[in-house]
Amino acid sequence: MAEPETFKIRRLEISDKRKGFIELLGQLTVAGSLTDEEFDGRFEEISSYGDDHVICVIEDEASGKIAATGSVMIEKKFVRSCGKVGHIEDVVVDSGFRGKQLGKTVVEFLMDHCKSMGCYKVILDCSVEKKSFYEKCGLTNKAIQMSKYFA
C-alpha cells in the first residue's frame, strides 16, 4: 500500500534546491542551471528582504520533493496613502502533483501574506489558459498586461 501524501506549506529553505525546486520552476519557464553557490547567493539576497519578498513551497513530506511553489513581492507606493501592493509570481505545481488543490493553496498562502502585510490589493499576470484557475482563487480580470523582454 502506498504511503498517504502529506503536504506541508512553508517558506523556501536553502536546502530546497536539492529537493527539486529549480527543476519545478523549469516546468513553468526557463529556469536555467544554477550552481549551489549561485542558488545560495540569490537565496540569501531574497531572504534579506524579509517579509517584502516571500517564496513559499509545498513539500510532499513522504517523498521529500517540492510539489508546488509561488512567490510574492510587496511593492511600497505613494498612492493610497503610502499603500502596498502584492505581486504574485512563479506559481507552479509539479506535473505529478496536479489536481490536488496545491496551486490554490499556494495562492491563498501568498494572498494571506499580502493581507497581513497591509496590502490594499494583490495582482498577478497569467496566461489566458490560467485565467479560470485564478478566478477560482478569488481574483478577477482587471486589465491588460504589457511586457517587453530584454535579450
Protein backbone atom coordinates (compact mmCIF):
# COMPACT_ATOMS: atom_id res chain seq x y z
CA MET A 1 0.00 0.00 0.00
CA ALA A 2 1.32 3.45 -0.94
CA GLU A 3 2.06 5.97 1.78
CA PRO A 4 -0.53 8.73 2.08
CA GLU A 5 0.60 12.08 0.73
CA THR A 6 1.37 14.63 3.39
CA PHE A 7 1.84 18.17 2.19
CA LYS A 8 3.36 21.00 4.21
CA ILE A 9 3.36 24.62 3.06
CA ARG A 10 6.20 26.78 4.28
CA ARG A 11 8.76 29.35 3.21
CA LEU A 12 11.57 28.31 0.89
CA GLU A 13 14.61 26.92 2.70
CA ILE A 14 18.14 26.82 1.36
CA SER A 15 18.04 23.01 1.37
CA ASP A 16 15.12 23.02 -1.11
CA LYS A 17 17.48 23.23 -4.09
CA ARG A 18 18.25 19.54 -3.64
CA LYS A 19 14.54 18.75 -3.27
CA GLY A 20 13.80 19.71 -6.88
CA PHE A 21 12.96 23.40 -6.50
CA ILE A 22 14.82 24.59 -9.63
CA GLU A 23 13.52 21.67 -11.70
CA LEU A 24 9.99 22.58 -10.60
CA LEU A 25 10.49 26.18 -11.79
CA GLY A 26 11.62 24.65 -15.10
CA GLN A 27 8.07 23.31 -15.54
CA LEU A 28 6.89 26.94 -15.60
CA THR A 29 9.56 28.77 -17.57
CA VAL A 30 13.25 28.76 -18.42
CA ALA A 31 14.92 28.21 -15.06
CA GLY A 32 18.46 27.70 -16.28
CA SER A 33 21.07 25.78 -14.37
CA LEU A 34 22.36 27.21 -11.12
CA THR A 35 25.42 26.20 -9.18
CA ASP A 36 24.98 25.73 -5.45
CA GLU A 37 26.89 28.98 -4.95
CA GLU A 38 24.57 30.91 -7.30
CA PHE A 39 21.49 29.46 -5.61
CA ASP A 40 22.83 30.18 -2.13
CA GLY A 41 23.72 33.76 -3.06
CA ARG A 42 20.29 34.50 -4.52
CA PHE A 43 18.59 32.77 -1.56
CA GLU A 44 20.50 34.97 0.90
CA GLU A 45 19.69 38.10 -1.13
CA ILE A 46 15.96 37.31 -1.22
CA SER A 47 15.99 36.35 2.47
CA SER A 48 17.46 39.76 3.31
CA TYR A 49 14.20 41.37 2.09
CA GLY A 50 12.31 39.70 4.93
CA ASP A 51 8.54 39.78 4.54
CA ASP A 52 8.76 42.02 1.44
CA HIS A 53 9.71 39.03 -0.76
CA VAL A 54 8.37 35.63 0.21
CA ILE A 55 8.78 32.39 -1.69
CA CYS A 56 6.63 29.57 -0.42
CA VAL A 57 6.84 25.89 -1.24
CA ILE A 58 4.68 22.89 -0.61
CA GLU A 59 6.76 19.86 0.24
CA ASP A 60 5.47 16.35 -0.17
CA GLU A 61 6.84 15.03 3.11
CA ALA A 62 6.51 11.40 2.00
CA SER A 63 8.93 11.86 -0.91
CA GLY A 64 10.83 14.94 0.30
CA LYS A 65 10.08 16.59 -3.04
CA ILE A 66 8.93 20.16 -3.61
CA ALA A 67 5.46 19.76 -5.13
CA ALA A 68 4.48 23.42 -5.62
CA THR A 69 5.80 26.93 -5.24
CA GLY A 70 4.94 30.59 -5.67
CA SER A 71 6.35 33.94 -4.66
CA VAL A 72 5.13 37.39 -3.74
CA MET A 73 6.86 40.76 -3.66
CA ILE A 74 5.45 43.68 -1.74
CA GLU A 75 5.65 46.99 -3.61
CA LYS A 76 5.60 50.11 -1.46
CA LYS A 77 3.83 53.01 -3.14
CA PHE A 78 2.98 56.67 -2.60
CA VAL A 79 -0.59 56.28 -3.86
CA ARG A 80 -3.33 55.18 -1.50
CA SER A 81 -1.64 56.95 1.42
CA CYS A 82 1.64 55.06 1.01
CA GLY A 83 -0.19 51.84 0.27
CA LYS A 84 1.30 48.46 -0.57
CA VAL A 85 0.60 46.06 -3.44
CA GLY A 86 1.46 42.38 -3.53
CA HIS A 87 2.79 40.97 -6.82
CA ILE A 88 2.37 37.19 -7.11
CA GLU A 89 4.80 35.43 -9.42
CA ASP A 90 6.10 31.99 -10.38
CA VAL A 91 3.19 29.81 -9.24
CA VAL A 92 3.72 26.24 -10.40
CA VAL A 93 2.65 22.77 -9.31
CA ASP A 94 4.74 19.75 -10.27
CA SER A 95 3.05 17.77 -13.04
CA GLY A 96 2.98 14.69 -10.81
CA PHE A 97 1.02 16.50 -8.10
CA ARG A 98 -1.58 18.46 -10.10
CA GLY A 99 -5.27 18.11 -9.30
CA LYS A 100 -4.73 18.19 -5.52
CA GLN A 101 -5.57 21.89 -4.95
CA LEU A 102 -1.90 22.70 -4.26
CA GLY A 103 -1.88 25.69 -6.62
CA LYS A 104 -4.88 27.15 -4.85
CA THR A 105 -3.18 26.54 -1.50
CA VAL A 106 -0.08 28.42 -2.70
CA VAL A 107 -2.10 31.39 -3.99
CA GLU A 108 -4.14 31.59 -0.78
CA PHE A 109 -0.95 31.46 1.33
CA LEU A 110 0.54 34.33 -0.68
CA MET A 111 -2.68 36.39 -0.61
CA ASP A 112 -2.95 35.87 3.16
CA HIS A 113 0.62 37.15 3.48
CA CYS A 114 -0.28 40.26 1.45
CA LYS A 115 -3.31 40.90 3.63
CA SER A 116 -1.24 40.51 6.80
CA MET A 117 1.30 43.00 5.38
CA GLY A 118 -1.43 45.61 4.89
CA CYS A 119 -1.62 45.45 1.09
CA TYR A 120 -4.68 47.07 -0.44
CA LYS A 121 -4.55 44.69 -3.42
CA VAL A 122 -2.70 41.77 -4.89
CA ILE A 123 -2.03 41.41 -8.61
CA LEU A 124 -0.51 38.87 -10.96
CA ASP A 125 0.00 38.23 -14.63
CA CYS A 126 -1.11 34.94 -16.16
CA SER A 127 -1.75 33.31 -19.48
CA VAL A 128 -5.26 33.19 -20.91
CA GLU A 129 -5.26 29.44 -20.20
CA LYS A 130 -4.78 30.05 -16.46
CA LYS A 131 -7.49 32.73 -16.14
CA SER A 132 -10.19 30.37 -14.83
CA PHE A 133 -7.79 28.90 -12.23
CA TYR A 134 -7.06 32.33 -10.79
CA GLU A 135 -10.75 33.25 -10.86
CA LYS A 136 -11.37 30.17 -8.67
CA CYS A 137 -8.76 31.61 -6.30
CA GLY A 138 -10.82 34.81 -5.98
CA LEU A 139 -9.02 37.08 -8.44
CA THR A 140 -10.76 38.97 -11.25
CA ASN A 141 -9.61 40.07 -14.69
CA LYS A 142 -8.80 43.76 -14.31
CA ALA A 143 -6.55 44.98 -17.10
CA ILE A 144 -4.26 44.10 -19.97
CA GLN A 145 -0.71 43.01 -19.31
CA MET A 146 2.04 44.56 -21.37
CA SER A 147 5.64 43.40 -21.37
CA LYS A 148 8.98 43.85 -23.07
CA TYR A 149 11.66 41.23 -22.73
CA PHE A 150 15.31 42.22 -22.90
CA ALA A 151 17.77 39.90 -24.61
